[in-house]
């Protein structure tokens, strides 16, 4: 499990780098959260935030749902790191945003 958490942590750091490089979105608070508590805890905290985190909205505005924490949580290889409820929140959040376009 620790290896999977480490892999997810690396992917969350890649999200930060890609969002900054490709969208001009500098998520300094997100990076601080990753440094303080790691990728899994950060993702769980952001998932529980009503309406989603500001980063989610910024990335969706740039048409980059692939860079959201929600999209990464839903990747099959990370299924065991998150509850069905957490994954359902992510699915619903992504679906809701698609409807708004």
PDB file of N, CA and C in Angstrom:
ATOM      1  N   UNK A   1       0.839  -1.204   0.000  1.00  0.00           N
ATOM      2  CA  UNK A   1       0.000   0.000   0.000  1.00  0.00           C
ATOM      3  C   UNK A   1       0.874   1.253   0.000  1.00  0.00           C
ATOM      4  N   UNK A   2       1.978   1.208   0.741  1.00  0.00           N
ATOM      5  CA  UNK A   2       2.854   2.381   0.813  1.00  0.00           C
ATOM      6  C   UNK A   2       3.397   2.745  -0.564  1.00  0.00           C
ATOM      7  N   UNK A   3       3.737   1.730  -1.391  1.00  0.00           N
ATOM      8  CA  UNK A   3       4.230   2.010  -2.739  1.00  0.00           C
ATOM      9  C   UNK A   3       3.160   2.695  -3.575  1.00  0.00           C
ATOM     10  N   UNK A   4       1.917   2.253  -3.421  1.00  0.00           N
ATOM     11  CA  UNK A   4       0.812   2.850  -4.163  1.00  0.00           C
ATOM     12  C   UNK A   4       0.587   4.295  -3.715  1.00  0.00           C
ATOM     13  N   UNK A   5       0.695   4.525  -2.428  1.00  0.00           N
ATOM     14  CA  UNK A   5       0.561   5.894  -1.911  1.00  0.00           C
ATOM     15  C   UNK A   5       1.682   6.779  -2.441  1.00  0.00           C
ATOM     16  N   UNK A   6       2.874   6.238  -2.511  1.00  0.00           N
ATOM     17  CA  UNK A   6       4.023   6.984  -3.033  1.00  0.00           C
ATOM     18  C   UNK A   6       3.809   7.303  -4.520  1.00  0.00           C
ATOM     19  N   UNK A   7       3.281   6.346  -5.248  1.00  0.00           N
ATOM     20  CA  UNK A   7       2.984   6.547  -6.673  1.00  0.00           C
ATOM     21  C   UNK A   7       1.941   7.656  -6.842  1.00  0.00           C
ATOM     22  N   UNK A   8       0.891   7.614  -6.026  1.00  0.00           N
ATOM     23  CA  UNK A   8      -0.156   8.644  -6.093  1.00  0.00           C
ATOM     24  C   UNK A   8       0.426  10.006  -5.725  1.00  0.00           C
ATOM     25  N   UNK A   9       1.269  10.039  -4.728  1.00  0.00           N
ATOM     26  CA  UNK A   9       1.924  11.278  -4.312  1.00  0.00           C
ATOM     27  C   UNK A   9       2.696  11.886  -5.487  1.00  0.00           C
ATOM     28  N   UNK A  10       3.426  11.062  -6.197  1.00  0.00           N
ATOM     29  CA  UNK A  10       4.175  11.527  -7.361  1.00  0.00           C
ATOM     30  C   UNK A  10       3.257  12.055  -8.442  1.00  0.00           C
ATOM     31  N   UNK A  11       2.144  11.394  -8.619  1.00  0.00           N
ATOM     32  CA  UNK A  11       1.185  11.842  -9.630  1.00  0.00           C
ATOM     33  C   UNK A  11       0.568  13.187  -9.244  1.00  0.00           C
ATOM     34  N   UNK A  12       0.317  13.392  -7.958  1.00  0.00           N
ATOM     35  CA  UNK A  12      -0.218  14.681  -7.510  1.00  0.00           C
ATOM     36  C   UNK A  12       0.805  15.805  -7.745  1.00  0.00           C
ATOM     37  N   UNK A  13       2.067  15.506  -7.559  1.00  0.00           N
ATOM     38  CA  UNK A  13       3.112  16.505  -7.835  1.00  0.00           C
ATOM     39  C   UNK A  13       3.187  16.796  -9.340  1.00  0.00           C
ATOM     40  N   UNK A  14       3.000  15.767 -10.146  1.00  0.00           N
ATOM     41  CA  UNK A  14       2.969  15.963 -11.605  1.00  0.00           C
ATOM     42  C   UNK A  14       1.785  16.842 -12.010  1.00  0.00           C
ATOM     43  N   UNK A  15       0.653  16.678 -11.327  1.00  0.00           N
ATOM     44  CA  UNK A  15      -0.525  17.513 -11.589  1.00  0.00           C
ATOM     45  C   UNK A  15      -0.171  18.981 -11.351  1.00  0.00           C
ATOM     46  N   UNK A  16       0.505  19.240 -10.241  1.00  0.00           N
ATOM     47  CA  UNK A  16       0.911  20.611  -9.923  1.00  0.00           C
ATOM     48  C   UNK A  16       1.785  21.182 -11.041  1.00  0.00           C
ATOM     49  N   UNK A  17       2.796  20.433 -11.450  1.00  0.00           N
ATOM     50  CA  UNK A  17       3.732  20.894 -12.478  1.00  0.00           C
ATOM     51  C   UNK A  17       3.017  21.125 -13.809  1.00  0.00           C
ATOM     52  N   UNK A  18       2.176  20.181 -14.207  1.00  0.00           N
ATOM     53  CA  UNK A  18       1.443  20.305 -15.482  1.00  0.00           C
ATOM     54  C   UNK A  18       0.477  21.479 -15.460  1.00  0.00           C
ATOM     55  N   UNK A  19      -0.220  21.672 -14.351  1.00  0.00           N
ATOM     56  CA  UNK A  19      -1.180  22.777 -14.249  1.00  0.00           C
ATOM     57  C   UNK A  19      -0.462  24.117 -14.360  1.00  0.00           C
ATOM     58  N   UNK A  20       0.704  24.195 -13.763  1.00  0.00           N
ATOM     59  CA  UNK A  20       1.466  25.440 -13.816  1.00  0.00           C
ATOM     60  C   UNK A  20       2.001  25.685 -15.225  1.00  0.00           C
ATOM     61  N   UNK A  21       2.578  24.657 -15.809  1.00  0.00           N
ATOM     62  CA  UNK A  21       3.193  24.779 -17.133  1.00  0.00           C
ATOM     63  C   UNK A  21       2.155  24.958 -18.248  1.00  0.00           C
ATOM     64  N   UNK A  22       1.093  24.157 -18.208  1.00  0.00           N
ATOM     65  CA  UNK A  22       0.152  24.134 -19.320  1.00  0.00           C
ATOM     66  C   UNK A  22      -1.014  25.110 -19.181  1.00  0.00           C
ATOM     67  N   UNK A  23      -1.360  25.477 -17.947  1.00  0.00           N
ATOM     68  CA  UNK A  23      -2.524  26.351 -17.730  1.00  0.00           C
ATOM     69  C   UNK A  23      -2.149  27.670 -17.050  1.00  0.00           C
ATOM     70  N   UNK A  24      -0.922  27.788 -16.636  1.00  0.00           N
ATOM     71  CA  UNK A  24      -0.523  28.987 -15.906  1.00  0.00           C
ATOM     72  C   UNK A  24      -1.142  29.064 -14.521  1.00  0.00           C
ATOM     73  N   UNK A  25      -1.590  27.919 -14.002  1.00  0.00           N
ATOM     74  CA  UNK A  25      -2.219  27.885 -12.685  1.00  0.00           C
ATOM     75  C   UNK A  25      -1.187  27.471 -11.649  1.00  0.00           C
ATOM     76  N   UNK A  26      -0.826  28.386 -10.778  1.00  0.00           N
ATOM     77  CA  UNK A  26       0.176  28.147  -9.750  1.00  0.00           C
ATOM     78  C   UNK A  26      -0.522  27.809  -8.433  1.00  0.00           C
ATOM     79  N   UNK A  27      -0.653  26.535  -8.176  1.00  0.00           N
ATOM     80  CA  UNK A  27      -1.393  26.053  -7.001  1.00  0.00           C
ATOM     81  C   UNK A  27      -0.453  25.917  -5.802  1.00  0.00           C
ATOM     82  N   UNK A  28      -0.005  27.034  -5.280  1.00  0.00           N
ATOM     83  CA  UNK A  28       0.965  26.988  -4.184  1.00  0.00           C
ATOM     84  C   UNK A  28       0.388  26.345  -2.922  1.00  0.00           C
ATOM     85  N   UNK A  29      -0.867  26.605  -2.633  1.00  0.00           N
ATOM     86  CA  UNK A  29      -1.488  25.986  -1.449  1.00  0.00           C
ATOM     87  C   UNK A  29      -1.565  24.469  -1.606  1.00  0.00           C
ATOM     88  N   UNK A  30      -1.909  24.009  -2.800  1.00  0.00           N
ATOM     89  CA  UNK A  30      -1.960  22.584  -3.106  1.00  0.00           C
ATOM     90  C   UNK A  30      -0.580  21.963  -2.886  1.00  0.00           C
ATOM     91  N   UNK A  31       0.459  22.613  -3.385  1.00  0.00           N
ATOM     92  CA  UNK A  31       1.819  22.108  -3.224  1.00  0.00           C
ATOM     93  C   UNK A  31       2.201  22.050  -1.738  1.00  0.00           C
ATOM     94  N   UNK A  32       1.798  23.060  -0.986  1.00  0.00           N
ATOM     95  CA  UNK A  32       2.073  23.071   0.453  1.00  0.00           C
ATOM     96  C   UNK A  32       1.358  21.910   1.154  1.00  0.00           C
ATOM     97  N   UNK A  33       0.104  21.679   0.764  1.00  0.00           N
ATOM     98  CA  UNK A  33      -0.646  20.560   1.340  1.00  0.00           C
ATOM     99  C   UNK A  33       0.048  19.234   1.028  1.00  0.00           C
ATOM    100  N   UNK A  34       0.519  19.077  -0.207  1.00  0.00           N
ATOM    101  CA  UNK A  34       1.222  17.846  -0.584  1.00  0.00           C
ATOM    102  C   UNK A  34       2.467  17.645   0.266  1.00  0.00           C
ATOM    103  N   UNK A  35       3.193  18.728   0.476  1.00  0.00           N
ATOM    104  CA  UNK A  35       4.417  18.634   1.280  1.00  0.00           C
ATOM    105  C   UNK A  35       4.109  18.294   2.736  1.00  0.00           C
ATOM    106  N   UNK A  36       3.032  18.870   3.259  1.00  0.00           N
ATOM    107  CA  UNK A  36       2.673  18.672   4.666  1.00  0.00           C
ATOM    108  C   UNK A  36       2.065  17.301   4.950  1.00  0.00           C
ATOM    109  N   UNK A  37       1.183  16.844   4.062  1.00  0.00           N
ATOM    110  CA  UNK A  37       0.419  15.633   4.393  1.00  0.00           C
ATOM    111  C   UNK A  37       0.398  14.547   3.328  1.00  0.00           C
ATOM    112  N   UNK A  38       1.050  14.761   2.206  1.00  0.00           N
ATOM    113  CA  UNK A  38       1.095  13.741   1.167  1.00  0.00           C
ATOM    114  C   UNK A  38      -0.123  13.784   0.255  1.00  0.00           C
ATOM    115  N   UNK A  39      -0.024  13.060  -0.837  1.00  0.00           N
ATOM    116  CA  UNK A  39      -1.045  13.092  -1.876  1.00  0.00           C
ATOM    117  C   UNK A  39      -2.403  12.544  -1.479  1.00  0.00           C
ATOM    118  N   UNK A  40      -2.414  11.406  -0.789  1.00  0.00           N
ATOM    119  CA  UNK A  40      -3.696  10.765  -0.448  1.00  0.00           C
ATOM    120  C   UNK A  40      -4.495  11.628   0.520  1.00  0.00           C
ATOM    121  N   UNK A  41      -3.852  12.079   1.590  1.00  0.00           N
ATOM    122  CA  UNK A  41      -4.571  12.923   2.563  1.00  0.00           C
ATOM    123  C   UNK A  41      -5.024  14.232   1.923  1.00  0.00           C
ATOM    124  N   UNK A  42      -4.172  14.809   1.082  1.00  0.00           N
ATOM    125  CA  UNK A  42      -4.544  16.050   0.396  1.00  0.00           C
ATOM    126  C   UNK A  42      -5.770  15.816  -0.485  1.00  0.00           C
ATOM    127  N   UNK A  43      -5.744  14.746  -1.265  1.00  0.00           N
ATOM    128  CA  UNK A  43      -6.872  14.439  -2.142  1.00  0.00           C
ATOM    129  C   UNK A  43      -8.151  14.236  -1.336  1.00  0.00           C
ATOM    130  N   UNK A  44      -8.061  13.475  -0.250  1.00  0.00           N
ATOM    131  CA  UNK A  44      -9.243  13.223   0.582  1.00  0.00           C
ATOM    132  C   UNK A  44      -9.810  14.524   1.142  1.00  0.00           C
ATOM    133  N   UNK A  45      -8.927  15.419   1.550  1.00  0.00           N
ATOM    134  CA  UNK A  45      -9.375  16.705   2.089  1.00  0.00           C
ATOM    135  C   UNK A  45     -10.057  17.545   1.007  1.00  0.00           C
ATOM    136  N   UNK A  46      -9.475  17.581  -0.182  1.00  0.00           N
ATOM    137  CA  UNK A  46     -10.048  18.384  -1.265  1.00  0.00           C
ATOM    138  C   UNK A  46     -11.369  17.801  -1.779  1.00  0.00           C
ATOM    139  N   UNK A  47     -11.465  16.496  -1.786  1.00  0.00           N
ATOM    140  CA  UNK A  47     -12.700  15.834  -2.227  1.00  0.00           C
ATOM    141  C   UNK A  47     -13.863  16.237  -1.319  1.00  0.00           C
ATOM    142  N   UNK A  48     -13.599  16.321  -0.021  1.00  0.00           N
ATOM    143  CA  UNK A  48     -14.664  16.616   0.942  1.00  0.00           C
ATOM    144  C   UNK A  48     -15.095  18.079   0.955  1.00  0.00           C
ATOM    145  N   UNK A  49     -14.346  18.925   0.275  1.00  0.00           N
ATOM    146  CA  UNK A  49     -14.665  20.355   0.253  1.00  0.00           C
ATOM    147  C   UNK A  49     -15.929  20.572  -0.585  1.00  0.00           C
ATOM    148  N   UNK A  50     -16.988  21.106   0.010  1.00  0.00           N
ATOM    149  CA  UNK A  50     -18.238  21.310  -0.736  1.00  0.00           C
ATOM    150  C   UNK A  50     -18.014  22.174  -1.984  1.00  0.00           C
ATOM    151  N   UNK A  51     -18.496  21.676  -3.117  1.00  0.00           N
ATOM    152  CA  UNK A  51     -18.359  22.419  -4.359  1.00  0.00           C
ATOM    153  C   UNK A  51     -17.005  22.265  -5.020  1.00  0.00           C
ATOM    154  N   UNK A  52     -16.076  21.635  -4.356  1.00  0.00           N
ATOM    155  CA  UNK A  52     -14.750  21.421  -4.916  1.00  0.00           C
ATOM    156  C   UNK A  52     -13.784  22.529  -4.572  1.00  0.00           C
ATOM    157  N   UNK A  53     -12.538  22.253  -4.795  1.00  0.00           N
ATOM    158  CA  UNK A  53     -11.480  23.217  -4.512  1.00  0.00           C
ATOM    159  C   UNK A  53     -11.368  24.211  -5.660  1.00  0.00           C
ATOM    160  N   UNK A  54     -10.768  25.362  -5.379  1.00  0.00           N
ATOM    161  CA  UNK A  54     -10.619  26.380  -6.424  1.00  0.00           C
ATOM    162  C   UNK A  54      -9.779  25.860  -7.577  1.00  0.00           C
ATOM    163  N   UNK A  55      -8.840  24.968  -7.299  1.00  0.00           N
ATOM    164  CA  UNK A  55      -8.019  24.381  -8.357  1.00  0.00           C
ATOM    165  C   UNK A  55      -8.853  23.593  -9.346  1.00  0.00           C
ATOM    166  N   UNK A  56      -9.857  22.877  -8.851  1.00  0.00           N
ATOM    167  CA  UNK A  56     -10.746  22.117  -9.726  1.00  0.00           C
ATOM    168  C   UNK A  56     -11.421  23.065 -10.711  1.00  0.00           C
ATOM    169  N   UNK A  57     -11.951  24.150 -10.201  1.00  0.00           N
ATOM    170  CA  UNK A  57     -12.657  25.118 -11.045  1.00  0.00           C
ATOM    171  C   UNK A  57     -11.698  25.747 -12.055  1.00  0.00           C
ATOM    172  N   UNK A  58     -10.510  26.110 -11.591  1.00  0.00           N
ATOM    173  CA  UNK A  58      -9.521  26.710 -12.496  1.00  0.00           C
ATOM    174  C   UNK A  58      -9.146  25.746 -13.621  1.00  0.00           C
ATOM    175  N   UNK A  59      -8.917  24.497 -13.293  1.00  0.00           N
ATOM    176  CA  UNK A  59      -8.533  23.525 -14.314  1.00  0.00           C
ATOM    177  C   UNK A  59      -9.675  23.228 -15.274  1.00  0.00           C
ATOM    178  N   UNK A  60     -10.886  23.181 -14.753  1.00  0.00           N
ATOM    179  CA  UNK A  60     -12.035  22.944 -15.631  1.00  0.00           C
ATOM    180  C   UNK A  60     -12.266  24.140 -16.551  1.00  0.00           C
ATOM    181  N   UNK A  61     -11.998  25.340 -16.075  1.00  0.00           N
ATOM    182  CA  UNK A  61     -12.110  26.541 -16.897  1.00  0.00           C
ATOM    183  C   UNK A  61     -11.118  26.466 -18.066  1.00  0.00           C
ATOM    184  N   UNK A  62      -9.985  25.833 -17.826  1.00  0.00           N
ATOM    185  CA  UNK A  62      -8.982  25.650 -18.876  1.00  0.00           C
ATOM    186  C   UNK A  62      -9.238  24.374 -19.692  1.00  0.00           C
ATOM    187  N   UNK A  63     -10.393  23.759 -19.486  1.00  0.00           N
ATOM    188  CA  UNK A  63     -10.756  22.532 -20.204  1.00  0.00           C
ATOM    189  C   UNK A  63      -9.743  21.402 -19.948  1.00  0.00           C
ATOM    190  N   UNK A  64      -9.299  21.271 -18.694  1.00  0.00           N
ATOM    191  CA  UNK A  64      -8.316  20.251 -18.346  1.00  0.00           C
ATOM    192  C   UNK A  64      -8.797  19.370 -17.193  1.00  0.00           C
ATOM    193  N   UNK A  65      -9.904  18.660 -17.383  1.00  0.00           N
ATOM    194  CA  UNK A  65     -10.370  17.762 -16.318  1.00  0.00           C
ATOM    195  C   UNK A  65      -9.350  16.670 -15.996  1.00  0.00           C
ATOM    196  N   UNK A  66      -8.498  16.351 -16.953  1.00  0.00           N
ATOM    197  CA  UNK A  66      -7.481  15.313 -16.741  1.00  0.00           C
ATOM    198  C   UNK A  66      -6.459  15.699 -15.676  1.00  0.00           C
ATOM    199  N   UNK A  67      -6.339  16.993 -15.393  1.00  0.00           N
ATOM    200  CA  UNK A  67      -5.376  17.449 -14.393  1.00  0.00           C
ATOM    201  C   UNK A  67      -5.980  17.617 -13.000  1.00  0.00           C
ATOM    202  N   UNK A  68      -7.247  17.307 -12.853  1.00  0.00           N
ATOM    203  CA  UNK A  68      -7.884  17.485 -11.545  1.00  0.00           C
ATOM    204  C   UNK A  68      -7.547  16.315 -10.612  1.00  0.00           C
ATOM    205  N   UNK A  69      -7.567  16.619  -9.334  1.00  0.00           N
ATOM    206  CA  UNK A  69      -7.401  15.578  -8.316  1.00  0.00           C
ATOM    207  C   UNK A  69      -8.481  14.522  -8.508  1.00  0.00           C
ATOM    208  N   UNK A  70      -9.696  14.987  -8.805  1.00  0.00           N
ATOM    209  CA  UNK A  70     -10.837  14.073  -8.968  1.00  0.00           C
ATOM    210  C   UNK A  70     -10.573  13.036 -10.055  1.00  0.00           C
ATOM    211  N   UNK A  71     -10.018  13.467 -11.181  1.00  0.00           N
ATOM    212  CA  UNK A  71      -9.733  12.531 -12.272  1.00  0.00           C
ATOM    213  C   UNK A  71      -8.675  11.512 -11.857  1.00  0.00           C
ATOM    214  N   UNK A  72      -7.698  11.954 -11.094  1.00  0.00           N
ATOM    215  CA  UNK A  72      -6.626  11.042 -10.661  1.00  0.00           C
ATOM    216  C   UNK A  72      -7.134  10.044  -9.624  1.00  0.00           C
ATOM    217  N   UNK A  73      -8.017  10.484  -8.754  1.00  0.00           N
ATOM    218  CA  UNK A  73      -8.599   9.586  -7.750  1.00  0.00           C
ATOM    219  C   UNK A  73      -9.371   8.456  -8.434  1.00  0.00           C
ATOM    220  N   UNK A  74      -9.970   8.758  -9.578  1.00  0.00           N
ATOM    221  CA  UNK A  74     -10.798   7.774 -10.277  1.00  0.00           C
ATOM    222  C   UNK A  74     -10.005   6.784 -11.130  1.00  0.00           C
ATOM    223  N   UNK A  75      -8.708   6.968 -11.225  1.00  0.00           N
ATOM    224  CA  UNK A  75      -7.908   6.017 -12.002  1.00  0.00           C
ATOM    225  C   UNK A  75      -7.980   4.644 -11.322  1.00  0.00           C
ATOM    226  N   UNK A  76      -8.199   3.602 -12.108  1.00  0.00           N
ATOM    227  CA  UNK A  76      -8.385   2.254 -11.530  1.00  0.00           C
ATOM    228  C   UNK A  76      -7.261   1.815 -10.601  1.00  0.00           C
ATOM    229  N   UNK A  77      -6.037   2.198 -10.892  1.00  0.00           N
ATOM    230  CA  UNK A  77      -4.921   1.728 -10.057  1.00  0.00           C
ATOM    231  C   UNK A  77      -4.942   2.299  -8.647  1.00  0.00           C
ATOM    232  N   UNK A  78      -5.712   3.362  -8.428  1.00  0.00           N
ATOM    233  CA  UNK A  78      -5.768   3.976  -7.093  1.00  0.00           C
ATOM    234  C   UNK A  78      -7.052   3.642  -6.333  1.00  0.00           C
ATOM    235  N   UNK A  79      -7.822   2.731  -6.864  1.00  0.00           N
ATOM    236  CA  UNK A  79      -9.120   2.376  -6.276  1.00  0.00           C
ATOM    237  C   UNK A  79      -9.025   2.044  -4.778  1.00  0.00           C
ATOM    238  N   UNK A  80      -8.021   1.294  -4.388  1.00  0.00           N
ATOM    239  CA  UNK A  80      -7.931   0.858  -2.987  1.00  0.00           C
ATOM    240  C   UNK A  80      -7.535   1.982  -2.024  1.00  0.00           C
ATOM    241  N   UNK A  81      -7.095   3.122  -2.554  1.00  0.00           N
ATOM    242  CA  UNK A  81      -6.708   4.236  -1.682  1.00  0.00           C
ATOM    243  C   UNK A  81      -7.899   5.091  -1.249  1.00  0.00           C
ATOM    244  N   UNK A  82      -9.026   4.952  -1.962  1.00  0.00           N
ATOM    245  CA  UNK A  82     -10.176   5.822  -1.719  1.00  0.00           C
ATOM    246  C   UNK A  82     -11.450   5.001  -1.577  1.00  0.00           C
ATOM    247  N   UNK A  83     -12.349   5.507  -0.756  1.00  0.00           N
ATOM    248  CA  UNK A  83     -13.616   4.802  -0.519  1.00  0.00           C
ATOM    249  C   UNK A  83     -14.536   4.959  -1.731  1.00  0.00           C
ATOM    250  N   UNK A  84     -15.552   4.108  -1.782  1.00  0.00           N
ATOM    251  CA  UNK A  84     -16.552   4.218  -2.850  1.00  0.00           C
ATOM    252  C   UNK A  84     -17.231   5.586  -2.796  1.00  0.00           C
ATOM    253  N   UNK A  85     -17.469   6.081  -1.580  1.00  0.00           N
ATOM    254  CA  UNK A  85     -18.104   7.391  -1.419  1.00  0.00           C
ATOM    255  C   UNK A  85     -17.227   8.505  -1.987  1.00  0.00           C
ATOM    256  N   UNK A  86     -15.943   8.455  -1.685  1.00  0.00           N
ATOM    257  CA  UNK A  86     -15.019   9.472  -2.209  1.00  0.00           C
ATOM    258  C   UNK A  86     -14.961   9.426  -3.733  1.00  0.00           C
ATOM    259  N   UNK A  87     -14.924   8.233  -4.269  1.00  0.00           N
ATOM    260  CA  UNK A  87     -14.880   8.080  -5.734  1.00  0.00           C
ATOM    261  C   UNK A  87     -16.191   8.564  -6.360  1.00  0.00           C
ATOM    262  N   UNK A  88     -17.305   8.325  -5.691  1.00  0.00           N
ATOM    263  CA  UNK A  88     -18.606   8.795  -6.196  1.00  0.00           C
ATOM    264  C   UNK A  88     -18.662  10.326  -6.221  1.00  0.00           C
ATOM    265  N   UNK A  89     -18.126  10.962  -5.190  1.00  0.00           N
ATOM    266  CA  UNK A  89     -18.076  12.431  -5.154  1.00  0.00           C
ATOM    267  C   UNK A  89     -17.277  12.939  -6.358  1.00  0.00           C
ATOM    268  N   UNK A  90     -16.154  12.318  -6.621  1.00  0.00           N
ATOM    269  CA  UNK A  90     -15.313  12.730  -7.749  1.00  0.00           C
ATOM    270  C   UNK A  90     -16.038  12.563  -9.074  1.00  0.00           C
ATOM    271  N   UNK A  91     -16.673  11.410  -9.259  1.00  0.00           N
ATOM    272  CA  UNK A  91     -17.428  11.159 -10.503  1.00  0.00           C
ATOM    273  C   UNK A  91     -18.512  12.198 -10.696  1.00  0.00           C
ATOM    274  N   UNK A  92     -19.261  12.466  -9.629  1.00  0.00           N
ATOM    275  CA  UNK A  92     -20.373  13.419  -9.698  1.00  0.00           C
ATOM    276  C   UNK A  92     -19.869  14.835  -9.979  1.00  0.00           C
ATOM    277  N   UNK A  93     -18.789  15.218  -9.344  1.00  0.00           N
ATOM    278  CA  UNK A  93     -18.236  16.565  -9.548  1.00  0.00           C
ATOM    279  C   UNK A  93     -17.814  16.758 -11.009  1.00  0.00           C
ATOM    280  N   UNK A  94     -17.141  15.775 -11.563  1.00  0.00           N
ATOM    281  CA  UNK A  94     -16.715  15.866 -12.958  1.00  0.00           C
ATOM    282  C   UNK A  94     -17.920  15.877 -13.901  1.00  0.00           C
ATOM    283  N   UNK A  95     -18.916  15.061 -13.590  1.00  0.00           N
ATOM    284  CA  UNK A  95     -20.119  14.998 -14.413  1.00  0.00           C
ATOM    285  C   UNK A  95     -20.890  16.317 -14.371  1.00  0.00           C
ATOM    286  N   UNK A  96     -21.008  16.907 -13.190  1.00  0.00           N
ATOM    287  CA  UNK A  96     -21.721  18.185 -13.035  1.00  0.00           C
ATOM    288  C   UNK A  96     -21.061  19.279 -13.857  1.00  0.00           C
ATOM    289  N   UNK A  97     -19.741  19.295 -13.865  1.00  0.00           N
ATOM    290  CA  UNK A  97     -19.053  20.340 -14.597  1.00  0.00           C
ATOM    291  C   UNK A  97     -19.230  20.158 -16.094  1.00  0.00           C
ATOM    292  N   UNK A  98     -19.263  18.910 -16.559  1.00  0.00           N
ATOM    293  CA  UNK A  98     -19.488  18.637 -17.995  1.00  0.00           C
ATOM    294  C   UNK A  98     -20.848  19.173 -18.419  1.00  0.00           C
ATOM    295  N   UNK A  99     -21.841  19.046 -17.559  1.00  0.00           N
ATOM    296  CA  UNK A  99     -23.202  19.511 -17.876  1.00  0.00           C
ATOM    297  C   UNK A  99     -23.263  21.021 -18.019  1.00  0.00           C
ATOM    298  N   UNK A 100     -22.391  21.733 -17.319  1.00  0.00           N
ATOM    299  CA  UNK A 100     -22.415  23.207 -17.345  1.00  0.00           C
ATOM    300  C   UNK A 100     -21.843  23.779 -18.637  1.00  0.00           C
ATOM    301  N   UNK A 101     -21.084  22.970 -19.357  1.00  0.00           N
ATOM    302  CA  UNK A 101     -20.448  23.471 -20.583  1.00  0.00           C
ATOM    303  C   UNK A 101     -21.447  23.619 -21.713  1.00  0.00           C
TER     304      UNK A 101
END
